[in-house]
Amino acid sequence: MYLESMTYAADIPFVLDLHMFDANPNTNVTTQSTLSAEMKTFYDKNLIENASPLLVHDRWAQKRDIPRNGGKKIEFRKYVQLGKSLTPLTEGVTPDGQSLSVTKIEAEVKQYGNYVTVSDVLQMTTIDNTIVETTDLIGGQAGTSLDTISREVLNAGTNVQYAEGQVSSRAALKTEHKLTVRAVKMAVRTLKKQLASKIDGSYWAIIHPDVAFDLTEDPNWIDVHKYAKPEEIFEGEIGKLAGVRFIETTEAKIFAKAGAAKSSSDATKIDVYSTLFFGANAYATTKIEGAGLQTIVKQLGSAGTADPLNQRATIGWKATKVTEILSNEYMVRVETGSTYSDGAAN
């Protein structure tokens, strides 16, 4: 359809083509607004693969599926260890059995997530490089975010040891109160006395690089390559000491400026570092598989009036998460100083 309008000075007629406002005739541009099932599975897997290595604080947890049908409550179970059975059996007489003591711990799952905005038209039925590259990036954010959620729960545990026991509070810790072999052995002793079971033959600990710097100087320290084959080494594992295998991560908790003053001439308070020691069944968390962590992609123009000019598409992650301590007896938080103290929380 054409519409004649005004003429220019040279009396050349101006003709307006009304079809110029028709929809884009390029049928090769995908405008599907939601991901196909195959592509969602692919991107969810990519997201999880990028997030999983960063979930250090979830590594030794009991794992549970997220509640079905969108429920907010999840039930974890804590089993009380059975006592010794020392009464001899009498032939032909069935002894009295023992009741299994189970404590149910109910927790409420919460949702977390974030997204980024992109200006590209996204392919929803085939692999789109923009989505792949973005899920690599947001997978890292999801991993560190969910790891921090678990970390904060675990660092609120009640079984705490201050260095070698020289002081009785976080605020009294000084630079010289470092993590030592003796402090590690004390934590191991606590776990053994509480009958905490080992995990794959060892207790495990999460340690910050600043604390590892001090501990690995000890001649008793054994580097990981001296006792494990490459395929047997866990992500971040650096070595072992006193029956404990250590995982190093910069995400180990720092209580910034929470200790004593650096010196009599410097009132700046030192950073206090948490090193968490675990036995089996100390805590539980929800799985990131099975819709626990998922990719959400919105196509250009799918936001309606929120995006009136069809300028934005979004790629995001959403997780359903909760972490709970099951047995404080099976974990120990050892708080210490370090050679380093940058004054920055993490």
Protein backbone atom coordinates (compact mmCIF):
# COMPACT_ATOMS: atom_id res chain seq x y z
CA MET A 1 0.00 0.00 0.00
CA TYR A 2 1.34 3.42 -0.90
CA LEU A 3 0.16 6.84 0.25
CA GLU A 4 0.97 10.01 -1.64
CA SER A 5 1.73 12.94 0.60
CA MET A 6 3.36 16.35 0.40
CA THR A 7 5.80 17.27 -2.35
CA TYR A 8 9.33 18.53 -1.93
CA ALA A 9 10.47 21.87 -3.31
CA ALA A 10 11.44 20.23 -6.59
CA ASP A 11 7.85 18.97 -6.88
CA ILE A 12 9.04 15.38 -6.57
CA PRO A 13 6.21 13.42 -4.92
CA PHE A 14 7.04 11.70 -1.62
CA VAL A 15 5.58 8.21 -1.48
CA LEU A 16 5.28 6.45 1.88
CA ASP A 17 5.44 2.64 1.77
CA LEU A 18 3.21 1.46 4.61
CA HIS A 19 4.57 -2.10 4.30
CA MET A 20 7.85 -0.88 5.77
CA PHE A 21 6.22 -1.27 9.21
CA ASP A 22 5.23 -4.87 8.64
CA ALA A 23 6.81 -7.60 10.79
CA ASN A 24 10.36 -8.66 9.93
CA PRO A 25 10.01 -10.92 6.88
CA ASN A 26 13.25 -12.77 7.72
CA THR A 27 11.91 -16.18 8.70
CA ASN A 28 15.37 -17.43 9.66
CA VAL A 29 15.30 -15.44 12.93
CA THR A 30 14.02 -17.62 15.75
CA THR A 31 11.40 -15.84 17.82
CA GLN A 32 10.32 -18.76 19.98
CA SER A 33 9.89 -17.34 23.47
CA THR A 34 10.82 -20.38 25.56
CA LEU A 35 13.62 -22.92 25.45
CA SER A 36 12.92 -26.28 23.92
CA ALA A 37 13.07 -29.16 26.41
CA GLU A 38 16.30 -30.45 24.88
CA MET A 39 18.02 -27.07 25.06
CA LYS A 40 16.88 -26.46 28.65
CA THR A 41 18.38 -29.81 29.67
CA PHE A 42 21.63 -28.91 27.89
CA TYR A 43 21.93 -25.47 29.50
CA ASP A 44 20.93 -26.74 32.96
CA LYS A 45 23.69 -29.35 32.71
CA ASN A 46 26.21 -26.71 31.65
CA LEU A 47 25.15 -24.47 34.53
CA ILE A 48 25.49 -27.28 37.06
CA GLU A 49 28.89 -28.33 35.69
CA ASN A 50 30.16 -24.78 36.24
CA ALA A 51 28.60 -24.43 39.67
CA SER A 52 29.40 -27.85 41.18
CA PRO A 53 33.19 -27.47 41.67
CA LEU A 54 32.57 -24.30 43.69
CA LEU A 55 30.22 -25.97 46.18
CA VAL A 56 33.04 -26.86 48.55
CA HIS A 57 30.94 -26.56 51.70
CA ASP A 58 28.33 -28.97 50.32
CA ARG A 59 30.82 -31.72 49.57
CA TRP A 60 30.35 -33.88 52.69
CA ALA A 61 26.68 -33.19 53.30
CA GLN A 62 23.84 -35.65 53.17
CA LYS A 63 22.07 -34.74 49.92
CA ARG A 64 18.30 -34.56 49.61
CA ASP A 65 16.02 -33.89 46.65
CA ILE A 66 14.13 -30.62 46.74
CA PRO A 67 10.47 -30.91 47.84
CA ARG A 68 8.06 -32.05 45.15
CA ASN A 69 5.17 -29.94 43.89
CA GLY A 70 6.78 -26.69 44.98
CA GLY A 71 6.57 -27.42 48.70
CA LYS A 72 8.64 -25.25 51.01
CA LYS A 73 9.38 -27.80 53.74
CA ILE A 74 12.01 -30.53 53.63
CA GLU A 75 12.74 -33.18 56.22
CA PHE A 76 16.23 -34.30 57.20
CA ARG A 77 16.86 -37.20 59.58
CA LYS A 78 19.41 -37.52 62.34
CA TYR A 79 20.08 -41.01 63.69
CA VAL A 80 21.33 -41.56 67.23
CA GLN A 81 24.14 -44.11 67.44
CA LEU A 82 23.29 -47.41 69.07
CA GLY A 83 24.98 -48.32 72.34
CA LYS A 84 26.98 -51.46 72.98
CA SER A 85 25.19 -54.79 73.26
CA LEU A 86 27.02 -56.82 75.94
CA THR A 87 24.39 -59.27 77.20
CA PRO A 88 25.09 -62.87 76.10
CA LEU A 89 22.38 -64.51 74.01
CA THR A 90 20.40 -67.38 75.56
CA GLU A 91 19.84 -70.31 73.28
CA GLY A 92 16.29 -70.42 71.98
CA VAL A 93 15.38 -67.07 73.49
CA THR A 94 14.85 -64.08 71.22
CA PRO A 95 16.39 -61.04 72.85
CA ASP A 96 14.58 -57.76 73.11
CA GLY A 97 15.36 -55.56 70.16
CA GLN A 98 16.44 -51.98 70.39
CA SER A 99 14.43 -49.06 69.09
CA LEU A 100 16.01 -46.94 66.41
CA SER A 101 16.16 -43.35 67.62
CA VAL A 102 15.53 -40.89 64.81
CA THR A 103 15.28 -37.13 65.13
CA LYS A 104 13.46 -35.40 62.31
CA ILE A 105 14.77 -31.96 61.42
CA GLU A 106 12.41 -29.90 59.32
CA ALA A 107 13.75 -26.98 57.31
CA GLU A 108 12.27 -24.45 54.92
CA VAL A 109 13.79 -24.20 51.46
CA LYS A 110 14.30 -20.78 49.93
CA GLN A 111 14.88 -19.62 46.40
CA TYR A 112 17.90 -17.68 45.19
CA GLY A 113 18.87 -16.41 41.78
CA ASN A 114 20.06 -13.68 39.47
CA TYR A 115 20.13 -12.84 35.78
CA VAL A 116 21.96 -10.81 33.17
CA THR A 117 20.49 -8.80 30.33
CA VAL A 118 21.58 -9.27 26.72
CA SER A 119 20.51 -7.50 23.53
CA ASP A 120 20.75 -10.46 21.17
CA VAL A 121 17.95 -12.47 19.61
CA LEU A 122 18.45 -15.88 21.21
CA GLN A 123 18.17 -19.25 19.52
CA MET A 124 15.79 -21.33 21.62
CA THR A 125 15.84 -24.63 19.73
CA THR A 126 19.53 -24.95 18.87
CA ILE A 127 22.74 -24.27 20.77
CA ASP A 128 23.25 -20.52 21.14
CA ASN A 129 26.81 -19.36 21.89
CA THR A 130 25.55 -16.34 23.83
CA ILE A 131 23.59 -18.58 26.20
CA VAL A 132 26.48 -21.07 26.53
CA GLU A 133 29.00 -18.34 27.39
CA THR A 134 26.58 -16.67 29.77
CA THR A 135 25.74 -19.90 31.61
CA ASP A 136 29.47 -20.41 32.09
CA LEU A 137 29.57 -17.02 33.81
CA ILE A 138 26.40 -17.24 35.87
CA GLY A 139 27.28 -20.82 36.82
CA GLY A 140 30.26 -19.42 38.69
CA GLN A 141 28.07 -16.88 40.43
CA ALA A 142 25.51 -19.54 41.34
CA GLY A 143 28.23 -21.82 42.72
CA THR A 144 29.87 -19.24 44.97
CA SER A 145 26.50 -17.90 46.11
CA LEU A 146 25.10 -21.30 47.10
CA ASP A 147 28.42 -22.28 48.67
CA THR A 148 28.33 -19.16 50.85
CA ILE A 149 24.79 -19.97 51.99
CA SER A 150 25.99 -23.36 53.26
CA ARG A 151 29.19 -21.89 54.68
CA GLU A 152 27.32 -19.41 56.86
CA VAL A 153 25.14 -22.18 58.30
CA LEU A 154 28.13 -24.39 59.11
CA ASN A 155 30.06 -21.55 60.70
CA ALA A 156 27.21 -21.00 63.13
CA GLY A 157 27.86 -24.43 64.65
CA THR A 158 28.31 -24.64 68.41
CA ASN A 159 31.36 -26.93 68.53
CA VAL A 160 34.19 -24.39 68.43
CA GLN A 161 37.88 -24.51 69.36
CA TYR A 162 40.08 -21.41 69.60
CA ALA A 163 43.54 -22.30 68.25
CA GLU A 164 45.15 -24.66 70.78
CA GLY A 165 42.84 -23.51 73.55
CA GLN A 166 45.11 -20.67 74.72
CA VAL A 167 42.11 -18.31 74.70
CA SER A 168 38.38 -18.75 75.13
CA SER A 169 36.91 -16.29 72.65
CA ARG A 170 37.28 -15.05 69.09
CA ALA A 171 38.04 -11.53 70.27
CA ALA A 172 41.06 -12.76 72.25
CA LEU A 173 42.81 -14.47 69.31
CA LYS A 174 46.15 -12.97 68.31
CA THR A 175 48.36 -13.30 65.24
CA GLU A 176 50.53 -15.91 66.95
CA HIS A 177 47.50 -18.14 67.57
CA LYS A 178 47.92 -19.96 64.25
CA LEU A 179 46.58 -23.33 63.13
CA THR A 180 49.17 -25.86 64.30
CA VAL A 181 49.59 -29.63 64.34
CA ARG A 182 48.52 -29.62 67.96
CA ALA A 183 45.35 -27.68 67.15
CA VAL A 184 44.52 -30.15 64.37
CA LYS A 185 45.08 -33.11 66.70
CA MET A 186 42.80 -31.51 69.28
CA ALA A 187 40.02 -31.20 66.71
CA VAL A 188 40.53 -34.83 65.65
CA ARG A 189 40.38 -35.93 69.27
CA THR A 190 37.05 -34.14 69.67
CA LEU A 191 35.60 -35.89 66.62
CA LYS A 192 36.84 -39.28 67.80
CA LYS A 193 35.43 -38.81 71.30
CA GLN A 194 32.06 -37.97 69.78
CA LEU A 195 32.27 -41.17 67.69
CA ALA A 196 32.15 -39.23 64.43
CA SER A 197 32.57 -41.65 61.54
CA LYS A 198 35.27 -40.96 58.96
CA ILE A 199 34.52 -40.28 55.30
CA ASP A 200 36.44 -42.54 52.93
CA GLY A 201 38.83 -43.37 55.76
CA SER A 202 39.61 -39.79 56.79
CA TYR A 203 38.25 -36.71 58.45
CA TRP A 204 38.10 -33.66 56.18
CA ALA A 205 38.74 -29.97 56.66
CA ILE A 206 38.10 -26.78 54.68
CA ILE A 207 41.02 -24.38 55.02
CA HIS A 208 41.79 -20.88 53.75
CA PRO A 209 45.04 -20.34 51.77
CA ASP A 210 46.27 -17.88 54.43
CA VAL A 211 45.92 -20.56 57.11
CA ALA A 212 47.34 -23.26 54.84
CA PHE A 213 50.42 -21.08 54.39
CA ASP A 214 51.15 -21.48 58.09
CA LEU A 215 50.16 -25.13 58.51
CA THR A 216 52.01 -26.50 55.48
CA GLU A 217 55.29 -25.17 56.87
CA ASP A 218 55.20 -27.91 59.52
CA PRO A 219 57.46 -30.92 58.78
CA ASN A 220 54.56 -33.28 59.60
CA TRP A 221 52.58 -31.97 56.66
CA ILE A 222 52.15 -34.44 53.76
CA ASP A 223 51.52 -32.98 50.30
CA VAL A 224 48.66 -34.56 48.39
CA HIS A 225 50.79 -35.96 45.56
CA LYS A 226 52.69 -38.10 48.10
CA TYR A 227 49.67 -40.20 49.12
CA ALA A 228 47.12 -40.00 46.30
CA LYS A 229 47.10 -40.73 42.60
CA PRO A 230 45.89 -37.88 40.36
CA GLU A 231 42.51 -39.53 39.83
CA GLU A 232 42.08 -39.91 43.61
CA ILE A 233 42.63 -36.24 44.42
CA PHE A 234 39.56 -34.16 45.22
CA GLU A 235 39.07 -30.69 43.76
CA GLY A 236 41.14 -28.29 45.88
CA GLU A 237 42.81 -31.00 47.97
CA ILE A 238 46.30 -29.95 49.09
CA GLY A 239 47.47 -32.51 51.66
CA LYS A 240 46.85 -34.27 54.94
CA LEU A 241 47.89 -34.17 58.56
CA ALA A 242 46.93 -36.24 61.62
CA GLY A 243 44.37 -38.24 59.66
CA VAL A 244 42.72 -35.15 58.15
CA ARG A 245 42.62 -34.38 54.42
CA PHE A 246 42.49 -30.65 53.67
CA ILE A 247 40.57 -28.84 50.93
CA GLU A 248 41.83 -25.32 50.24
CA THR A 249 39.48 -22.54 49.14
CA THR A 250 39.43 -18.76 49.34
CA GLU A 251 35.78 -19.14 50.38
CA ALA A 252 36.70 -20.53 53.81
CA LYS A 253 35.16 -18.12 56.30
CA ILE A 254 37.06 -15.01 57.42
CA PHE A 255 35.77 -13.05 60.40
CA ALA A 256 37.32 -9.75 59.37
CA LYS A 257 38.86 -7.66 62.17
CA ALA A 258 37.22 -9.86 64.81
CA GLY A 259 40.32 -10.77 66.85
CA ALA A 260 42.60 -8.93 69.22
CA ALA A 261 44.69 -5.86 68.36
CA LYS A 262 47.68 -6.53 66.13
CA SER A 263 50.10 -5.13 68.68
CA SER A 264 50.43 -2.65 71.52
CA SER A 265 51.25 0.03 68.96
CA ASP A 266 48.63 -0.97 66.39
CA ALA A 267 45.02 -1.13 67.57
CA THR A 268 43.83 -2.66 64.29
CA LYS A 269 42.15 -5.96 65.05
CA ILE A 270 43.34 -9.10 63.27
CA ASP A 271 41.26 -11.27 60.98
CA VAL A 272 40.05 -14.54 62.45
CA TYR A 273 39.99 -17.58 60.16
CA SER A 274 37.64 -20.55 60.38
CA THR A 275 38.86 -24.04 59.52
CA LEU A 276 35.99 -26.54 59.52
CA PHE A 277 36.64 -30.19 60.40
CA PHE A 278 34.03 -32.82 59.46
CA GLY A 279 33.09 -36.38 60.11
CA ALA A 280 30.23 -38.16 58.32
CA ASN A 281 26.59 -37.09 58.70
CA ALA A 282 27.37 -33.73 60.29
CA TYR A 283 25.00 -31.77 58.05
CA ALA A 284 22.64 -31.98 55.11
CA THR A 285 21.71 -29.90 52.10
CA THR A 286 19.50 -29.97 49.03
CA LYS A 287 20.72 -31.28 45.69
CA ILE A 288 21.35 -28.92 42.80
CA GLU A 289 20.35 -31.64 40.34
CA GLY A 290 16.70 -32.34 39.61
CA ALA A 291 15.58 -28.69 39.30
CA GLY A 292 17.53 -27.64 42.38
CA LEU A 293 19.49 -25.33 40.07
CA GLN A 294 18.12 -24.33 36.71
CA THR A 295 18.64 -21.96 33.80
CA ILE A 296 15.93 -19.46 32.92
CA VAL A 297 16.07 -17.77 29.52
CA LYS A 298 13.67 -15.07 28.33
CA GLN A 299 13.56 -14.11 24.67
CA LEU A 300 13.59 -10.58 23.27
CA GLY A 301 10.07 -9.21 23.48
CA SER A 302 8.82 -11.74 26.02
CA ALA A 303 8.62 -9.15 28.82
CA GLY A 304 5.55 -7.38 27.42
CA THR A 305 5.14 -3.81 28.60
CA ALA A 306 8.28 -4.14 30.76
CA ASP A 307 10.25 -4.16 27.49
CA PRO A 308 8.08 -2.10 25.12
CA LEU A 309 10.72 -1.85 22.36
CA ASN A 310 11.83 -5.50 22.45
CA GLN A 311 15.37 -4.49 23.42
CA ARG A 312 16.22 -7.01 26.13
CA ALA A 313 16.56 -10.73 26.58
CA THR A 314 17.62 -12.24 29.90
CA ILE A 315 19.61 -15.29 30.96
CA GLY A 316 19.52 -16.26 34.61
CA TRP A 317 19.78 -18.95 37.25
CA LYS A 318 17.39 -19.92 40.02
CA ALA A 319 18.08 -22.33 42.87
CA THR A 320 16.07 -23.90 45.65
CA LYS A 321 18.33 -24.33 48.66
CA VAL A 322 18.61 -25.05 52.35
CA THR A 323 21.45 -26.41 54.50
CA GLU A 324 21.06 -27.66 58.07
CA ILE A 325 23.46 -28.94 60.73
CA LEU A 326 22.38 -32.41 61.83
CA SER A 327 24.98 -33.11 64.53
CA ASN A 328 27.22 -30.43 65.97
CA GLU A 329 29.18 -33.27 67.57
CA TYR A 330 30.42 -34.42 64.18
CA MET A 331 32.04 -31.14 63.18
CA VAL A 332 34.51 -28.74 64.78
CA ARG A 333 35.18 -25.13 63.87
CA VAL A 334 38.74 -24.16 64.72
CA GLU A 335 39.26 -20.40 64.80
CA THR A 336 42.78 -19.03 64.51
CA GLY A 337 44.88 -16.10 63.46
CA SER A 338 47.27 -16.18 60.53
CA THR A 339 50.48 -14.66 59.27
CA TYR A 340 48.21 -12.62 57.01
CA SER A 341 45.44 -10.23 57.99
CA ASP A 342 44.04 -8.09 55.18
CA GLY A 343 40.97 -6.83 57.00
CA ALA A 344 38.59 -8.02 54.27
CA ALA A 345 35.62 -10.30 54.82
CA ASN A 346 34.57 -12.85 52.24
